[in-house]
Amino acid sequence: MTLLLTLGGILMFLAVALGAFGAHALKNRLTEDRQKTYQTGIQYHIAHGIGLLLLGLTAAQLESESLIVLAGWFLLAGIILFSGSLYALSLTGIRKLGAITPLGGVSFLAGWVIFVIAVIQG
């Protein structure tokens, strides 16, 4: 589906840009712990951006296209909540932002469970 492929492409662009920003502009500005937190956000961002691309490629092959799209929305929410909260936490040091991260993790899990259901349904 075009929407998932478009979102996946945009999110991969952002992952590369944010990764480069972290590696260069933030290299000497963040503590080692905050750099690791930022990198974790990048890793999950990239993995699930690729996931969105794969969902987009899969959507046309399955009858459960609406479930694939729903799974994609959950992956998008996961990137925003999980990776976004880790980016914000690493940049600001506000530890309370870490409370948002598990919501993103649950969104990732929900997206992948919905994907599996869609594949099983065909």
PDB file of N, CA and C in Angstrom:
ATOM      1  N   MET A   1       0.838  -1.179   0.000  1.00  0.00           N
ATOM      2  CA  MET A   1       0.000   0.000   0.000  1.00  0.00           C
ATOM      3  C   MET A   1       0.886   1.247   0.000  1.00  0.00           C
ATOM      4  N   THR A   2       0.469   2.193  -0.776  1.00  0.00           N
ATOM      5  CA  THR A   2       1.238   3.415  -0.972  1.00  0.00           C
ATOM      6  C   THR A   2       1.460   4.180   0.335  1.00  0.00           C
ATOM      7  N   LEU A   3       0.443   4.244   1.184  1.00  0.00           N
ATOM      8  CA  LEU A   3       0.560   4.976   2.441  1.00  0.00           C
ATOM      9  C   LEU A   3       1.684   4.403   3.308  1.00  0.00           C
ATOM     10  N   LEU A   4       1.698   3.088   3.461  1.00  0.00           N
ATOM     11  CA  LEU A   4       2.716   2.469   4.306  1.00  0.00           C
ATOM     12  C   LEU A   4       4.112   2.645   3.713  1.00  0.00           C
ATOM     13  N   LEU A   5       4.219   2.515   2.402  1.00  0.00           N
ATOM     14  CA  LEU A   5       5.516   2.703   1.754  1.00  0.00           C
ATOM     15  C   LEU A   5       5.990   4.147   1.889  1.00  0.00           C
ATOM     16  N   THR A   6       5.072   5.090   1.755  1.00  0.00           N
ATOM     17  CA  THR A   6       5.418   6.508   1.907  1.00  0.00           C
ATOM     18  C   THR A   6       5.868   6.805   3.334  1.00  0.00           C
ATOM     19  N   LEU A   7       5.072   6.344   4.309  1.00  0.00           N
ATOM     20  CA  LEU A   7       5.444   6.555   5.716  1.00  0.00           C
ATOM     21  C   LEU A   7       6.776   5.887   6.024  1.00  0.00           C
ATOM     22  N   GLY A   8       6.955   4.671   5.534  1.00  0.00           N
ATOM     23  CA  GLY A   8       8.208   3.959   5.767  1.00  0.00           C
ATOM     24  C   GLY A   8       9.394   4.712   5.196  1.00  0.00           C
ATOM     25  N   GLY A   9       9.249   5.227   3.987  1.00  0.00           N
ATOM     26  CA  GLY A   9      10.329   5.995   3.371  1.00  0.00           C
ATOM     27  C   GLY A   9      10.647   7.258   4.136  1.00  0.00           C
ATOM     28  N   ILE A  10       9.615   7.969   4.557  1.00  0.00           N
ATOM     29  CA  ILE A  10       9.818   9.200   5.334  1.00  0.00           C
ATOM     30  C   ILE A  10      10.501   8.881   6.662  1.00  0.00           C
ATOM     31  N   LEU A  11      10.041   7.823   7.323  1.00  0.00           N
ATOM     32  CA  LEU A  11      10.621   7.471   8.619  1.00  0.00           C
ATOM     33  C   LEU A  11      12.059   6.983   8.489  1.00  0.00           C
ATOM     34  N   MET A  12      12.380   6.311   7.395  1.00  0.00           N
ATOM     35  CA  MET A  12      13.767   5.891   7.181  1.00  0.00           C
ATOM     36  C   MET A  12      14.658   7.112   6.916  1.00  0.00           C
ATOM     37  N   PHE A  13      14.147   8.064   6.141  1.00  0.00           N
ATOM     38  CA  PHE A  13      14.888   9.320   5.928  1.00  0.00           C
ATOM     39  C   PHE A  13      15.178   9.981   7.275  1.00  0.00           C
ATOM     40  N   LEU A  14      14.145  10.089   8.109  1.00  0.00           N
ATOM     41  CA  LEU A  14      14.312  10.724   9.421  1.00  0.00           C
ATOM     42  C   LEU A  14      15.279   9.940  10.302  1.00  0.00           C
ATOM     43  N   ALA A  15      15.238   8.616  10.225  1.00  0.00           N
ATOM     44  CA  ALA A  15      16.148   7.798  11.031  1.00  0.00           C
ATOM     45  C   ALA A  15      17.599   8.061  10.645  1.00  0.00           C
ATOM     46  N   VAL A  16      17.854   8.135   9.349  1.00  0.00           N
ATOM     47  CA  VAL A  16      19.220   8.408   8.891  1.00  0.00           C
ATOM     48  C   VAL A  16      19.644   9.820   9.313  1.00  0.00           C
ATOM     49  N   ALA A  17      18.756  10.788   9.122  1.00  0.00           N
ATOM     50  CA  ALA A  17      19.081  12.167   9.485  1.00  0.00           C
ATOM     51  C   ALA A  17      19.318  12.294  10.994  1.00  0.00           C
ATOM     52  N   LEU A  18      18.450  11.700  11.792  1.00  0.00           N
ATOM     53  CA  LEU A  18      18.607  11.775  13.247  1.00  0.00           C
ATOM     54  C   LEU A  18      19.827  10.991  13.713  1.00  0.00           C
ATOM     55  N   GLY A  19      20.113   9.876  13.045  1.00  0.00           N
ATOM     56  CA  GLY A  19      21.307   9.109  13.382  1.00  0.00           C
ATOM     57  C   GLY A  19      22.570   9.903  13.111  1.00  0.00           C
ATOM     58  N   ALA A  20      22.613  10.569  11.964  1.00  0.00           N
ATOM     59  CA  ALA A  20      23.770  11.402  11.630  1.00  0.00           C
ATOM     60  C   ALA A  20      23.888  12.574  12.601  1.00  0.00           C
ATOM     61  N   PHE A  21      22.760  13.178  12.932  1.00  0.00           N
ATOM     62  CA  PHE A  21      22.745  14.277  13.899  1.00  0.00           C
ATOM     63  C   PHE A  21      23.312  13.807  15.239  1.00  0.00           C
ATOM     64  N   GLY A  22      22.877  12.645  15.675  1.00  0.00           N
ATOM     65  CA  GLY A  22      23.368  12.105  16.945  1.00  0.00           C
ATOM     66  C   GLY A  22      24.849  11.784  16.909  1.00  0.00           C
ATOM     67  N   ALA A  23      25.301  11.224  15.781  1.00  0.00           N
ATOM     68  CA  ALA A  23      26.699  10.824  15.674  1.00  0.00           C
ATOM     69  C   ALA A  23      27.647  12.015  15.558  1.00  0.00           C
ATOM     70  N   HIS A  24      27.158  13.105  14.987  1.00  0.00           N
ATOM     71  CA  HIS A  24      28.048  14.237  14.743  1.00  0.00           C
ATOM     72  C   HIS A  24      27.762  15.417  15.679  1.00  0.00           C
ATOM     73  N   ALA A  25      26.571  15.943  15.636  1.00  0.00           N
ATOM     74  CA  ALA A  25      26.256  17.153  16.404  1.00  0.00           C
ATOM     75  C   ALA A  25      26.163  16.895  17.910  1.00  0.00           C
ATOM     76  N   LEU A  26      25.747  15.690  18.284  1.00  0.00           N
ATOM     77  CA  LEU A  26      25.561  15.407  19.710  1.00  0.00           C
ATOM     78  C   LEU A  26      26.718  14.645  20.332  1.00  0.00           C
ATOM     79  N   LYS A  27      27.667  14.242  19.515  1.00  0.00           N
ATOM     80  CA  LYS A  27      28.759  13.374  19.962  1.00  0.00           C
ATOM     81  C   LYS A  27      29.441  13.876  21.237  1.00  0.00           C
ATOM     82  N   ASN A  28      29.765  15.128  21.290  1.00  0.00           N
ATOM     83  CA  ASN A  28      30.477  15.682  22.451  1.00  0.00           C
ATOM     84  C   ASN A  28      29.568  16.422  23.415  1.00  0.00           C
ATOM     85  N   ARG A  29      28.261  16.375  23.171  1.00  0.00           N
ATOM     86  CA  ARG A  29      27.326  17.126  24.015  1.00  0.00           C
ATOM     87  C   ARG A  29      26.533  16.244  24.971  1.00  0.00           C
ATOM     88  N   LEU A  30      26.495  14.951  24.685  1.00  0.00           N
ATOM     89  CA  LEU A  30      25.724  14.042  25.531  1.00  0.00           C
ATOM     90  C   LEU A  30      26.656  13.162  26.342  1.00  0.00           C
ATOM     91  N   THR A  31      26.208  12.804  27.535  1.00  0.00           N
ATOM     92  CA  THR A  31      26.963  11.834  28.321  1.00  0.00           C
ATOM     93  C   THR A  31      26.905  10.482  27.610  1.00  0.00           C
ATOM     94  N   GLU A  32      27.741   9.573  28.022  1.00  0.00           N
ATOM     95  CA  GLU A  32      27.761   8.243  27.412  1.00  0.00           C
ATOM     96  C   GLU A  32      26.405   7.548  27.564  1.00  0.00           C
ATOM     97  N   ASP A  33      25.800   7.690  28.733  1.00  0.00           N
ATOM     98  CA  ASP A  33      24.474   7.093  28.968  1.00  0.00           C
ATOM     99  C   ASP A  33      23.426   7.670  28.021  1.00  0.00           C
ATOM    100  N   ARG A  34      23.427   8.973  27.864  1.00  0.00           N
ATOM    101  CA  ARG A  34      22.453   9.618  26.985  1.00  0.00           C
ATOM    102  C   ARG A  34      22.709   9.265  25.522  1.00  0.00           C
ATOM    103  N   GLN A  35      23.967   9.090  25.147  1.00  0.00           N
ATOM    104  CA  GLN A  35      24.279   8.651  23.783  1.00  0.00           C
ATOM    105  C   GLN A  35      23.721   7.247  23.531  1.00  0.00           C
ATOM    106  N   LYS A  36      23.858   6.368  24.515  1.00  0.00           N
ATOM    107  CA  LYS A  36      23.320   5.009  24.379  1.00  0.00           C
ATOM    108  C   LYS A  36      21.799   5.041  24.259  1.00  0.00           C
ATOM    109  N   THR A  37      21.173   5.891  25.043  1.00  0.00           N
ATOM    110  CA  THR A  37      19.713   6.036  24.979  1.00  0.00           C
ATOM    111  C   THR A  37      19.293   6.515  23.602  1.00  0.00           C
ATOM    112  N   TYR A  38      19.994   7.511  23.088  1.00  0.00           N
ATOM    113  CA  TYR A  38      19.694   8.054  21.760  1.00  0.00           C
ATOM    114  C   TYR A  38      19.870   6.960  20.697  1.00  0.00           C
ATOM    115  N   GLN A  39      20.947   6.205  20.800  1.00  0.00           N
ATOM    116  CA  GLN A  39      21.214   5.136  19.834  1.00  0.00           C
ATOM    117  C   GLN A  39      20.152   4.044  19.882  1.00  0.00           C
ATOM    118  N   THR A  40      19.646   3.740  21.063  1.00  0.00           N
ATOM    119  CA  THR A  40      18.560   2.764  21.172  1.00  0.00           C
ATOM    120  C   THR A  40      17.337   3.270  20.420  1.00  0.00           C
ATOM    121  N   GLY A  41      17.037   4.549  20.567  1.00  0.00           N
ATOM    122  CA  GLY A  41      15.933   5.140  19.813  1.00  0.00           C
ATOM    123  C   GLY A  41      16.142   4.993  18.317  1.00  0.00           C
ATOM    124  N   ILE A  42      17.362   5.254  17.849  1.00  0.00           N
ATOM    125  CA  ILE A  42      17.679   5.129  16.425  1.00  0.00           C
ATOM    126  C   ILE A  42      17.507   3.685  15.959  1.00  0.00           C
ATOM    127  N   GLN A  43      18.007   2.738  16.731  1.00  0.00           N
ATOM    128  CA  GLN A  43      17.922   1.319  16.335  1.00  0.00           C
ATOM    129  C   GLN A  43      16.471   0.872  16.154  1.00  0.00           C
ATOM    130  N   TYR A  44      15.624   1.206  17.108  1.00  0.00           N
ATOM    131  CA  TYR A  44      14.216   0.814  16.995  1.00  0.00           C
ATOM    132  C   TYR A  44      13.515   1.591  15.888  1.00  0.00           C
ATOM    133  N   HIS A  45      13.908   2.827  15.699  1.00  0.00           N
ATOM    134  CA  HIS A  45      13.343   3.656  14.631  1.00  0.00           C
ATOM    135  C   HIS A  45      13.646   3.012  13.275  1.00  0.00           C
ATOM    136  N   ILE A  46      14.901   2.645  13.055  1.00  0.00           N
ATOM    137  CA  ILE A  46      15.289   2.017  11.791  1.00  0.00           C
ATOM    138  C   ILE A  46      14.582   0.679  11.600  1.00  0.00           C
ATOM    139  N   ALA A  47      14.609  -0.154  12.618  1.00  0.00           N
ATOM    140  CA  ALA A  47      13.997  -1.483  12.500  1.00  0.00           C
ATOM    141  C   ALA A  47      12.521  -1.390  12.133  1.00  0.00           C
ATOM    142  N   HIS A  48      11.811  -0.479  12.750  1.00  0.00           N
ATOM    143  CA  HIS A  48      10.379  -0.393  12.517  1.00  0.00           C
ATOM    144  C   HIS A  48      10.038   0.447  11.291  1.00  0.00           C
ATOM    145  N   GLY A  49      10.951   1.322  10.878  1.00  0.00           N
ATOM    146  CA  GLY A  49      10.798   1.989   9.579  1.00  0.00           C
ATOM    147  C   GLY A  49      10.882   0.958   8.460  1.00  0.00           C
ATOM    148  N   ILE A  50      11.849   0.043   8.557  1.00  0.00           N
ATOM    149  CA  ILE A  50      11.944  -1.062   7.599  1.00  0.00           C
ATOM    150  C   ILE A  50      10.701  -1.937   7.692  1.00  0.00           C
ATOM    151  N   GLY A  51      10.232  -2.135   8.919  1.00  0.00           N
ATOM    152  CA  GLY A  51       8.995  -2.900   9.108  1.00  0.00           C
ATOM    153  C   GLY A  51       7.827  -2.282   8.357  1.00  0.00           C
ATOM    154  N   LEU A  52       7.706  -0.968   8.404  1.00  0.00           N
ATOM    155  CA  LEU A  52       6.633  -0.295   7.666  1.00  0.00           C
ATOM    156  C   LEU A  52       6.770  -0.537   6.162  1.00  0.00           C
ATOM    157  N   LEU A  53       7.996  -0.484   5.661  1.00  0.00           N
ATOM    158  CA  LEU A  53       8.219  -0.765   4.238  1.00  0.00           C
ATOM    159  C   LEU A  53       7.799  -2.195   3.897  1.00  0.00           C
ATOM    160  N   LEU A  54       8.143  -3.133   4.759  1.00  0.00           N
ATOM    161  CA  LEU A  54       7.754  -4.528   4.521  1.00  0.00           C
ATOM    162  C   LEU A  54       6.238  -4.711   4.592  1.00  0.00           C
ATOM    163  N   LEU A  55       5.601  -4.017   5.504  1.00  0.00           N
ATOM    164  CA  LEU A  55       4.139  -4.076   5.570  1.00  0.00           C
ATOM    165  C   LEU A  55       3.535  -3.531   4.281  1.00  0.00           C
ATOM    166  N   GLY A  56       4.093  -2.443   3.785  1.00  0.00           N
ATOM    167  CA  GLY A  56       3.598  -1.858   2.537  1.00  0.00           C
ATOM    168  C   GLY A  56       3.725  -2.813   1.371  1.00  0.00           C
ATOM    169  N   LEU A  57       4.819  -3.549   1.327  1.00  0.00           N
ATOM    170  CA  LEU A  57       5.017  -4.520   0.254  1.00  0.00           C
ATOM    171  C   LEU A  57       4.117  -5.741   0.414  1.00  0.00           C
ATOM    172  N   THR A  58       3.790  -6.066   1.653  1.00  0.00           N
ATOM    173  CA  THR A  58       2.958  -7.225   1.947  1.00  0.00           C
ATOM    174  C   THR A  58       1.468  -6.949   1.748  1.00  0.00           C
ATOM    175  N   ALA A  59       1.061  -5.716   1.979  1.00  0.00           N
ATOM    176  CA  ALA A  59      -0.371  -5.365   1.997  1.00  0.00           C
ATOM    177  C   ALA A  59      -1.103  -5.796   0.737  1.00  0.00           C
ATOM    178  N   ALA A  60      -0.508  -5.614  -0.409  1.00  0.00           N
ATOM    179  CA  ALA A  60      -1.182  -5.934  -1.671  1.00  0.00           C
ATOM    180  C   ALA A  60      -1.312  -7.436  -1.890  1.00  0.00           C
ATOM    181  N   GLN A  61      -0.541  -8.232  -1.171  1.00  0.00           N
ATOM    182  CA  GLN A  61      -0.547  -9.679  -1.363  1.00  0.00           C
ATOM    183  C   GLN A  61      -1.538 -10.407  -0.473  1.00  0.00           C
ATOM    184  N   LEU A  62      -2.124  -9.712   0.482  1.00  0.00           N
ATOM    185  CA  LEU A  62      -3.024 -10.358   1.438  1.00  0.00           C
ATOM    186  C   LEU A  62      -4.418  -9.768   1.344  1.00  0.00           C
ATOM    187  N   GLU A  63      -5.400 -10.608   1.636  1.00  0.00           N
ATOM    188  CA  GLU A  63      -6.781 -10.126   1.667  1.00  0.00           C
ATOM    189  C   GLU A  63      -7.040  -9.247   2.884  1.00  0.00           C
ATOM    190  N   SER A  64      -6.229  -9.423   3.914  1.00  0.00           N
ATOM    191  CA  SER A  64      -6.396  -8.675   5.166  1.00  0.00           C
ATOM    192  C   SER A  64      -5.635  -7.357   5.114  1.00  0.00           C
ATOM    193  N   GLU A  65      -5.776  -6.629   4.026  1.00  0.00           N
ATOM    194  CA  GLU A  65      -5.030  -5.378   3.853  1.00  0.00           C
ATOM    195  C   GLU A  65      -5.327  -4.381   4.964  1.00  0.00           C
ATOM    196  N   SER A  66      -6.579  -4.336   5.419  1.00  0.00           N
ATOM    197  CA  SER A  66      -6.916  -3.374   6.476  1.00  0.00           C
ATOM    198  C   SER A  66      -6.177  -3.701   7.773  1.00  0.00           C
ATOM    199  N   LEU A  67      -5.954  -4.976   8.055  1.00  0.00           N
ATOM    200  CA  LEU A  67      -5.177  -5.337   9.243  1.00  0.00           C
ATOM    201  C   LEU A  67      -3.712  -4.947   9.079  1.00  0.00           C
ATOM    202  N   ILE A  68      -3.186  -5.076   7.880  1.00  0.00           N
ATOM    203  CA  ILE A  68      -1.804  -4.681   7.622  1.00  0.00           C
ATOM    204  C   ILE A  68      -1.660  -3.176   7.844  1.00  0.00           C
ATOM    205  N   VAL A  69      -2.616  -2.421   7.365  1.00  0.00           N
ATOM    206  CA  VAL A  69      -2.579  -0.964   7.567  1.00  0.00           C
ATOM    207  C   VAL A  69      -2.673  -0.642   9.059  1.00  0.00           C
ATOM    208  N   LEU A  70      -3.546  -1.343   9.772  1.00  0.00           N
ATOM    209  CA  LEU A  70      -3.661  -1.133  11.221  1.00  0.00           C
ATOM    210  C   LEU A  70      -2.336  -1.449  11.907  1.00  0.00           C
ATOM    211  N   ALA A  71      -1.704  -2.537  11.511  1.00  0.00           N
ATOM    212  CA  ALA A  71      -0.391  -2.885  12.072  1.00  0.00           C
ATOM    213  C   ALA A  71       0.601  -1.751  11.810  1.00  0.00           C
ATOM    214  N   GLY A  72       0.538  -1.178  10.620  1.00  0.00           N
ATOM    215  CA  GLY A  72       1.422  -0.063  10.275  1.00  0.00           C
ATOM    216  C   GLY A  72       1.210   1.142  11.169  1.00  0.00           C
ATOM    217  N   TRP A  73      -0.046   1.441  11.477  1.00  0.00           N
ATOM    218  CA  TRP A  73      -0.321   2.570  12.369  1.00  0.00           C
ATOM    219  C   TRP A  73       0.262   2.326  13.757  1.00  0.00           C
ATOM    220  N   PHE A  74       0.207   1.063  14.205  1.00  0.00           N
ATOM    221  CA  PHE A  74       0.798   0.746  15.505  1.00  0.00           C
ATOM    222  C   PHE A  74       2.314   0.878  15.469  1.00  0.00           C
ATOM    223  N   LEU A  75       2.945   0.469  14.361  1.00  0.00           N
ATOM    224  CA  LEU A  75       4.398   0.646  14.253  1.00  0.00           C
ATOM    225  C   LEU A  75       4.764   2.129  14.246  1.00  0.00           C
ATOM    226  N   LEU A  76       3.983   2.918  13.532  1.00  0.00           N
ATOM    227  CA  LEU A  76       4.217   4.364  13.521  1.00  0.00           C
ATOM    228  C   LEU A  76       4.087   4.941  14.931  1.00  0.00           C
ATOM    229  N   ALA A  77       3.036   4.549  15.636  1.00  0.00           N
ATOM    230  CA  ALA A  77       2.849   5.018  17.019  1.00  0.00           C
ATOM    231  C   ALA A  77       4.027   4.582  17.882  1.00  0.00           C
ATOM    232  N   GLY A  78       4.510   3.368  17.660  1.00  0.00           N
ATOM    233  CA  GLY A  78       5.657   2.883  18.421  1.00  0.00           C
ATOM    234  C   GLY A  78       6.902   3.719  18.182  1.00  0.00           C
ATOM    235  N   ILE A  79       7.140   4.065  16.920  1.00  0.00           N
ATOM    236  CA  ILE A  79       8.306   4.890  16.612  1.00  0.00           C
ATOM    237  C   ILE A  79       8.190   6.241  17.301  1.00  0.00           C
ATOM    238  N   ILE A  80       7.014   6.834  17.217  1.00  0.00           N
ATOM    239  CA  ILE A  80       6.814   8.155  17.835  1.00  0.00           C
ATOM    240  C   ILE A  80       6.966   8.071  19.348  1.00  0.00           C
ATOM    241  N   LEU A  81       6.309   7.095  19.964  1.00  0.00           N
ATOM    242  CA  LEU A  81       6.323   7.006  21.424  1.00  0.00           C
ATOM    243  C   LEU A  81       7.630   6.450  21.976  1.00  0.00           C
ATOM    244  N   PHE A  82       8.104   5.351  21.394  1.00  0.00           N
ATOM    245  CA  PHE A  82       9.318   4.710  21.904  1.00  0.00           C
ATOM    246  C   PHE A  82      10.555   5.520  21.540  1.00  0.00           C
ATOM    247  N   SER A  83      10.811   5.623  20.246  1.00  0.00           N
ATOM    248  CA  SER A  83      12.013   6.332  19.815  1.00  0.00           C
ATOM    249  C   SER A  83      11.932   7.813  20.178  1.00  0.00           C
ATOM    250  N   GLY A  84      10.775   8.417  19.961  1.00  0.00           N
ATOM    251  CA  GLY A  84      10.614   9.835  20.274  1.00  0.00           C
ATOM    252  C   GLY A  84      10.885  10.143  21.728  1.00  0.00           C
ATOM    253  N   SER A  85      10.389   9.288  22.630  1.00  0.00           N
ATOM    254  CA  SER A  85      10.626   9.536  24.055  1.00  0.00           C
ATOM    255  C   SER A  85      12.105   9.351  24.401  1.00  0.00           C
ATOM    256  N   LEU A  86      12.773   8.397  23.741  1.00  0.00           N
ATOM    257  CA  LEU A  86      14.200   8.211  24.003  1.00  0.00           C
ATOM    258  C   LEU A  86      15.019   9.382  23.463  1.00  0.00           C
ATOM    259  N   TYR A  87      14.632   9.897  22.304  1.00  0.00           N
ATOM    260  CA  TYR A  87      15.309  11.092  21.783  1.00  0.00           C
ATOM    261  C   TYR A  87      15.146  12.251  22.766  1.00  0.00           C
ATOM    262  N   ALA A  88      13.907  12.474  23.189  1.00  0.00           N
ATOM    263  CA  ALA A  88      13.631  13.588  24.101  1.00  0.00           C
ATOM    264  C   ALA A  88      14.352  13.401  25.436  1.00  0.00           C
ATOM    265  N   LEU A  89      14.334  12.183  25.955  1.00  0.00           N
ATOM    266  CA  LEU A  89      15.005  11.890  27.220  1.00  0.00           C
ATOM    267  C   LEU A  89      16.504  12.154  27.110  1.00  0.00           C
ATOM    268  N   SER A  90      17.107  11.695  26.023  1.00  0.00           N
ATOM    269  CA  SER A  90      18.552  11.875  25.883  1.00  0.00           C
ATOM    270  C   SER A  90      18.930  13.343  25.682  1.00  0.00           C
ATOM    271  N   LEU A  91      18.081  14.103  25.015  1.00  0.00           N
ATOM    272  CA  LEU A  91      18.385  15.515  24.761  1.00  0.00           C
ATOM    273  C   LEU A  91      18.118  16.409  25.960  1.00  0.00           C
ATOM    274  N   THR A  92      17.094  16.065  26.751  1.00  0.00           N
ATOM    275  CA  THR A  92      16.705  16.948  27.857  1.00  0.00           C
ATOM    276  C   THR A  92      17.146  16.450  29.224  1.00  0.00           C
ATOM    277  N   GLY A  93      17.319  15.144  29.357  1.00  0.00           N
ATOM    278  CA  GLY A  93      17.645  14.575  30.660  1.00  0.00           C
ATOM    279  C   GLY A  93      16.448  14.458  31.582  1.00  0.00           C
ATOM    280  N   ILE A  94      15.256  14.773  31.081  1.00  0.00           N
ATOM    281  CA  ILE A  94      14.039  14.670  31.906  1.00  0.00           C
ATOM    282  C   ILE A  94      13.645  13.202  31.985  1.00  0.00           C
ATOM    283  N   ARG A  95      13.920  12.593  33.103  1.00  0.00           N
ATOM    284  CA  ARG A  95      13.740  11.148  33.262  1.00  0.00           C
ATOM    285  C   ARG A  95      12.268  10.712  33.185  1.00  0.00           C
ATOM    286  N   LYS A  96      11.365  11.619  33.511  1.00  0.00           N
ATOM    287  CA  LYS A  96       9.941  11.280  33.464  1.00  0.00           C
ATOM    288  C   LYS A  96       9.500  10.911  32.045  1.00  0.00           C
ATOM    289  N   LEU A  97      10.224  11.388  31.041  1.00  0.00           N
ATOM    290  CA  LEU A  97       9.891  11.050  29.656  1.00  0.00           C
ATOM    291  C   LEU A  97      10.039   9.550  29.400  1.00  0.00           C
ATOM    292  N   GLY A  98      10.866   8.905  30.206  1.00  0.00           N
ATOM    293  CA  GLY A  98      11.044   7.460  30.090  1.00  0.00           C
ATOM    294  C   GLY A  98       9.771   6.679  30.364  1.00  0.00           C
ATOM    295  N   ALA A  99       8.797   7.308  31.022  1.00  0.00           N
ATOM    296  CA  ALA A  99       7.520   6.638  31.292  1.00  0.00           C
ATOM    297  C   ALA A  99       6.713   6.422  30.017  1.00  0.00           C
ATOM    298  N   ILE A 100       7.020   7.188  28.985  1.00  0.00           N
ATOM    299  CA  ILE A 100       6.308   7.067  27.704  1.00  0.00           C
ATOM    300  C   ILE A 100       6.841   5.883  26.895  1.00  0.00           C
ATOM    301  N   THR A 101       8.107   5.573  27.079  1.00  0.00           N
ATOM    302  CA  THR A 101       8.780   4.556  26.268  1.00  0.00           C
ATOM    303  C   THR A 101       8.050   3.210  26.247  1.00  0.00           C
ATOM    304  N   PRO A 102       7.599   2.679  27.388  1.00  0.00           N
ATOM    305  CA  PRO A 102       6.908   1.386  27.343  1.00  0.00           C
ATOM    306  C   PRO A 102       5.623   1.405  26.500  1.00  0.00           C
ATOM    307  N   LEU A 103       4.967   2.553  26.422  1.00  0.00           N
ATOM    308  CA  LEU A 103       3.775   2.645  25.571  1.00  0.00           C
ATOM    309  C   LEU A 103       4.159   2.414  24.109  1.00  0.00           C
ATOM    310  N   GLY A 104       5.308   2.920  23.732  1.00  0.00           N
ATOM    311  CA  GLY A 104       5.804   2.682  22.387  1.00  0.00           C
ATOM    312  C   GLY A 104       6.150   1.220  22.178  1.00  0.00           C
ATOM    313  N   GLY A 105       6.745   0.600  23.180  1.00  0.00           N
ATOM    314  CA  GLY A 105       7.060  -0.825  23.095  1.00  0.00           C
ATOM    315  C   GLY A 105       5.806  -1.675  22.926  1.00  0.00           C
ATOM    316  N   VAL A 106       4.770  -1.328  23.666  1.00  0.00           N
ATOM    317  CA  VAL A 106       3.494  -2.051  23.533  1.00  0.00           C
ATOM    318  C   VAL A 106       2.907  -1.823  22.140  1.00  0.00           C
ATOM    319  N   SER A 107       3.052  -0.635  21.609  1.00  0.00           N
ATOM    320  CA  SER A 107       2.575  -0.352  20.247  1.00  0.00           C
ATOM    321  C   SER A 107       3.313  -1.212  19.222  1.00  0.00           C
ATOM    322  N   PHE A 108       4.638  -1.335  19.375  1.00  0.00           N
ATOM    323  CA  PHE A 108       5.400  -2.209  18.491  1.00  0.00           C
ATOM    324  C   PHE A 108       4.872  -3.638  18.567  1.00  0.00           C
ATOM    325  N   LEU A 109       4.712  -4.137  19.793  1.00  0.00           N
ATOM    326  CA  LEU A 109       4.238  -5.508  19.977  1.00  0.00           C
ATOM    327  C   LEU A 109       2.856  -5.707  19.359  1.00  0.00           C
ATOM    328  N   ALA A 110       1.964  -4.759  19.584  1.00  0.00           N
ATOM    329  CA  ALA A 110       0.617  -4.852  19.023  1.00  0.00           C
ATOM    330  C   ALA A 110       0.666  -4.864  17.495  1.00  0.00           C
ATOM    331  N   GLY A 111       1.499  -4.022  16.923  1.00  0.00           N
ATOM    332  CA  GLY A 111       1.630  -3.976  15.469  1.00  0.00           C
ATOM    333  C   GLY A 111       2.076  -5.309  14.896  1.00  0.00           C
ATOM    334  N   TRP A 112       3.043  -5.936  15.546  1.00  0.00           N
ATOM    335  CA  TRP A 112       3.536  -7.218  15.038  1.00  0.00           C
ATOM    336  C   TRP A 112       2.530  -8.344  15.260  1.00  0.00           C
ATOM    337  N   VAL A 113       1.796  -8.308  16.360  1.00  0.00           N
ATOM    338  CA  VAL A 113       0.739  -9.315  16.568  1.00  0.00           C
ATOM    339  C   VAL A 113      -0.347  -9.165  15.519  1.00  0.00           C
ATOM    340  N   ILE A 114      -0.744  -7.955  15.236  1.00  0.00           N
ATOM    341  CA  ILE A 114      -1.765  -7.707  14.197  1.00  0.00           C
ATOM    342  C   ILE A 114      -1.247  -8.170  12.841  1.00  0.00           C
ATOM    343  N   PHE A 115       0.026  -7.941  12.563  1.00  0.00           N
ATOM    344  CA  PHE A 115       0.622  -8.413  11.316  1.00  0.00           C
ATOM    345  C   PHE A 115       0.522  -9.930  11.207  1.00  0.00           C
ATOM    346  N   VAL A 116       0.881 -10.623  12.262  1.00  0.00           N
ATOM    347  CA  VAL A 116       0.819 -12.090  12.268  1.00  0.00           C
ATOM    348  C   VAL A 116      -0.612 -12.565  12.023  1.00  0.00           C
ATOM    349  N   ILE A 117      -1.563 -11.931  12.682  1.00  0.00           N
ATOM    350  CA  ILE A 117      -2.979 -12.292  12.467  1.00  0.00           C
ATOM    351  C   ILE A 117      -3.361 -12.080  11.007  1.00  0.00           C
ATOM    352  N   ALA A 118      -2.943 -10.979  10.425  1.00  0.00           N
ATOM    353  CA  ALA A 118      -3.252 -10.702   9.016  1.00  0.00           C
ATOM    354  C   ALA A 118      -2.658 -11.756   8.096  1.00  0.00           C
ATOM    355  N   VAL A 119      -1.434 -12.176   8.382  1.00  0.00           N
ATOM    356  CA  VAL A 119      -0.778 -13.189   7.561  1.00  0.00           C
ATOM    357  C   VAL A 119      -1.510 -14.520   7.694  1.00  0.00           C
ATOM    358  N   ILE A 120      -1.906 -14.891   8.894  1.00  0.00           N
ATOM    359  CA  ILE A 120      -2.605 -16.160   9.122  1.00  0.00           C
ATOM    360  C   ILE A 120      -3.962 -16.135   8.381  1.00  0.00           C
ATOM    361  N   GLN A 121      -4.633 -14.997   8.407  1.00  0.00           N
ATOM    362  CA  GLN A 121      -5.924 -14.880   7.723  1.00  0.00           C
ATOM    363  C   GLN A 121      -5.768 -14.872   6.221  1.00  0.00           C
ATOM    364  N   GLY A 122      -4.569 -14.551   5.757  1.00  0.00           N
ATOM    365  CA  GLY A 122      -4.325 -14.534   4.304  1.00  0.00           C
ATOM    366  C   GLY A 122      -4.606 -13.215   3.765  1.00  0.00           C
TER     367      GLY A 122
END
